[in-house]
Amino acid sequence: MSQDYISLTLTPEQVTGASDGLELLATSLSGLKATPAPERGNLLYMGAKSEVFCRRALRVLEANPQIVPPSLAADLAGANADLAALDQLRPLQERLQKLLSLVGDSIDLLGSDAMHVALDAYAQLKLSGGDAGLDELRKELGARWSQGGRARAESPTPTPAPTPVLDPA
């Protein structure tokens, strides 16, 4: 039985438009910064509870300028600017995560649909490929199922998984 979870055809204009949109996004957010792995361990992560603490502490200082030393006054302005930028980025991140999830799911579904047909094709080759002189091709395709054949065929050099950033909240 045939499987068809998704039917998707992208026009060259759609691909170009999406690519141009990503380029515009990257240009618009050119101030974003990557964190090198060695520095990640030194960061203080602001989870949901920590965010409440942070915002409240900053509001208390703003409401009571008489207790703010000059050395902290400049840092207070920077922290408020950081929170404002965070508030601007969060909705963008949510939209991007939703879009990335849709793209990832669509890639999985497209791959599953194609693989389903490929497996049916391989089964057909096993049944009647010998009569058509396709034994060598069947053996070549069958290497995918041999011990270790998949790892060699699909991923000659393993790609390390990204390190997740945990939110200790």
Protein backbone atom coordinates (compact mmCIF):
# COMPACT_ATOMS: atom_id res chain seq x y z
CA MET A 1 0.00 0.00 0.00
CA SER A 2 1.30 3.42 -0.91
CA GLN A 3 2.18 6.04 1.66
CA ASP A 4 1.77 9.75 0.98
CA TYR A 5 1.99 11.85 4.13
CA ILE A 6 2.85 15.00 2.24
CA SER A 7 2.84 16.38 -1.28
CA LEU A 8 5.01 19.43 -1.64
CA THR A 9 6.31 21.14 -4.72
CA LEU A 10 8.33 24.29 -4.34
CA THR A 11 8.76 26.58 -7.31
CA PRO A 12 12.16 28.14 -7.95
CA GLU A 13 10.55 31.47 -7.05
CA GLN A 14 9.44 30.14 -3.65
CA VAL A 15 12.92 28.79 -2.89
CA THR A 16 14.50 32.06 -3.98
CA GLY A 17 11.99 34.07 -1.94
CA ALA A 18 12.63 31.97 1.16
CA SER A 19 16.38 32.23 0.68
CA ASP A 20 16.14 35.99 0.19
CA GLY A 21 13.96 36.22 3.30
CA LEU A 22 16.55 34.31 5.33
CA GLU A 23 19.26 36.61 4.03
CA LEU A 24 17.20 39.65 4.99
CA LEU A 25 16.62 38.14 8.42
CA ALA A 26 20.35 37.51 8.91
CA THR A 27 21.14 41.06 7.79
CA SER A 28 18.43 42.57 9.98
CA LEU A 29 19.71 40.69 13.01
CA SER A 30 23.40 41.21 12.31
CA GLY A 31 24.08 42.03 15.96
CA LEU A 32 23.35 38.48 17.10
CA LYS A 33 26.30 36.70 18.63
CA ALA A 34 27.27 33.04 18.92
CA THR A 35 28.62 31.75 22.22
CA PRO A 36 31.79 29.66 21.92
CA ALA A 37 31.41 26.31 23.71
CA PRO A 38 34.09 27.00 26.34
CA GLU A 39 32.29 30.19 27.40
CA ARG A 40 28.88 28.52 27.76
CA GLY A 41 29.82 27.02 31.11
CA ASN A 42 30.54 30.46 32.53
CA LEU A 43 27.15 31.95 31.66
CA LEU A 44 24.40 32.66 34.14
CA TYR A 45 21.26 31.38 32.46
CA MET A 46 18.06 33.25 33.11
CA GLY A 47 15.15 30.83 33.37
CA ALA A 48 11.55 31.82 34.05
CA LYS A 49 11.98 32.23 37.82
CA SER A 50 15.31 33.98 37.40
CA GLU A 51 13.73 36.36 34.91
CA VAL A 52 11.11 37.40 37.44
CA PHE A 53 13.89 37.99 39.99
CA CYS A 54 15.97 39.96 37.49
CA ARG A 55 13.16 42.24 36.34
CA ARG A 56 12.03 42.89 39.90
CA ALA A 57 15.54 43.66 41.15
CA LEU A 58 16.07 46.13 38.31
CA ARG A 59 12.69 47.80 38.98
CA VAL A 60 13.58 48.16 42.66
CA LEU A 61 16.83 49.90 41.75
CA GLU A 62 15.06 52.19 39.29
CA ALA A 63 12.44 53.08 41.90
CA ASN A 64 15.12 53.80 44.50
CA PRO A 65 17.92 55.67 42.71
CA GLN A 66 19.27 56.91 46.06
CA ILE A 67 20.66 53.42 46.79
CA VAL A 68 22.27 52.94 43.36
CA PRO A 69 26.02 53.59 43.39
CA PRO A 70 27.44 55.35 40.31
CA SER A 71 29.31 52.20 39.30
CA LEU A 72 26.01 50.27 39.13
CA ALA A 73 24.02 53.04 37.41
CA ALA A 74 25.65 52.39 34.02
CA ASP A 75 25.22 48.64 34.44
CA LEU A 76 21.53 49.18 35.28
CA ALA A 77 20.94 51.03 32.01
CA GLY A 78 22.71 48.24 30.10
CA ALA A 79 20.70 45.53 31.86
CA ASN A 80 17.45 47.30 31.00
CA ALA A 81 18.58 47.56 27.37
CA ASP A 82 19.42 43.85 27.42
CA LEU A 83 15.93 43.00 28.69
CA ALA A 84 14.34 45.22 26.04
CA ALA A 85 16.31 43.41 23.30
CA LEU A 86 15.39 40.05 24.86
CA ASP A 87 11.72 41.06 24.74
CA GLN A 88 12.10 41.92 21.05
CA LEU A 89 13.86 38.68 20.17
CA ARG A 90 11.58 36.25 21.99
CA PRO A 91 8.59 36.56 19.61
CA LEU A 92 10.95 36.17 16.66
CA GLN A 93 12.49 33.07 18.26
CA GLU A 94 9.04 31.56 18.81
CA ARG A 95 8.07 32.13 15.18
CA LEU A 96 11.39 30.75 13.95
CA GLN A 97 11.09 27.68 16.17
CA LYS A 98 7.60 27.01 14.81
CA LEU A 99 8.85 27.40 11.25
CA LEU A 100 11.89 25.19 11.91
CA SER A 101 9.60 22.56 13.39
CA LEU A 102 7.40 22.66 10.27
CA VAL A 103 10.44 22.44 7.99
CA GLY A 104 11.90 19.57 10.01
CA ASP A 105 8.63 17.66 10.10
CA SER A 106 8.11 18.19 6.37
CA ILE A 107 11.63 16.91 5.64
CA ASP A 108 10.92 13.83 7.78
CA LEU A 109 7.59 13.21 6.02
CA LEU A 110 9.06 13.70 2.54
CA GLY A 111 11.90 11.33 3.39
CA SER A 112 9.49 8.76 4.80
CA ASP A 113 7.31 8.90 1.70
CA ALA A 114 10.31 8.48 -0.60
CA MET A 115 11.84 5.71 1.55
CA HIS A 116 8.53 3.84 1.59
CA VAL A 117 8.50 3.71 -2.22
CA ALA A 118 12.21 2.82 -2.31
CA LEU A 119 11.60 -0.13 0.02
CA ASP A 120 8.75 -1.31 -2.19
CA ALA A 121 11.07 -0.97 -5.19
CA TYR A 122 13.77 -3.00 -3.44
CA ALA A 123 11.26 -5.70 -2.51
CA GLN A 124 10.17 -5.84 -6.15
CA LEU A 125 13.81 -6.11 -7.23
CA LYS A 126 14.29 -9.05 -4.86
CA LEU A 127 11.22 -10.77 -6.30
CA SER A 128 11.76 -10.30 -10.00
CA GLY A 129 15.08 -8.52 -10.48
CA GLY A 130 16.99 -11.73 -11.21
CA ASP A 131 14.89 -12.42 -14.28
CA ALA A 132 15.73 -8.93 -15.60
CA GLY A 133 19.48 -9.26 -14.97
CA LEU A 134 19.43 -6.89 -12.00
CA ASP A 135 21.08 -9.16 -9.38
CA GLU A 136 24.19 -6.97 -9.06
CA LEU A 137 22.09 -3.86 -8.58
CA ARG A 138 19.97 -5.68 -5.99
CA LYS A 139 23.13 -6.74 -4.13
CA GLU A 140 24.45 -3.17 -4.25
CA LEU A 141 21.20 -1.83 -2.82
CA GLY A 142 21.12 -4.68 -0.29
CA ALA A 143 24.42 -3.45 1.17
CA ARG A 144 22.36 -0.80 2.93
CA TRP A 145 20.90 -3.57 5.10
CA SER A 146 24.16 -5.41 5.79
CA GLN A 147 25.86 -5.11 9.19
CA GLY A 148 27.33 -1.59 9.37
CA GLY A 149 26.41 -0.85 5.74
CA ARG A 150 23.98 1.89 6.71
CA ALA A 151 26.50 3.80 8.81
CA ARG A 152 29.10 3.65 6.05
CA ALA A 153 26.68 4.54 3.27
CA GLU A 154 24.79 7.34 5.01
CA SER A 155 27.30 8.93 7.35
CA PRO A 156 31.01 8.42 6.63
CA THR A 157 31.94 10.86 9.38
CA PRO A 158 29.54 11.19 12.29
CA THR A 159 28.31 14.68 13.02
CA PRO A 160 28.27 15.56 16.72
CA ALA A 161 24.90 16.51 18.14
CA PRO A 162 24.51 20.15 19.20
CA THR A 163 24.87 20.80 22.88
CA PRO A 164 21.48 21.75 24.33
CA VAL A 165 21.25 24.86 26.45
CA LEU A 166 19.33 24.00 29.58
CA ASP A 167 17.06 26.48 31.29
CA PRO A 168 17.54 25.97 35.04
CA ALA A 169 14.62 28.33 35.74
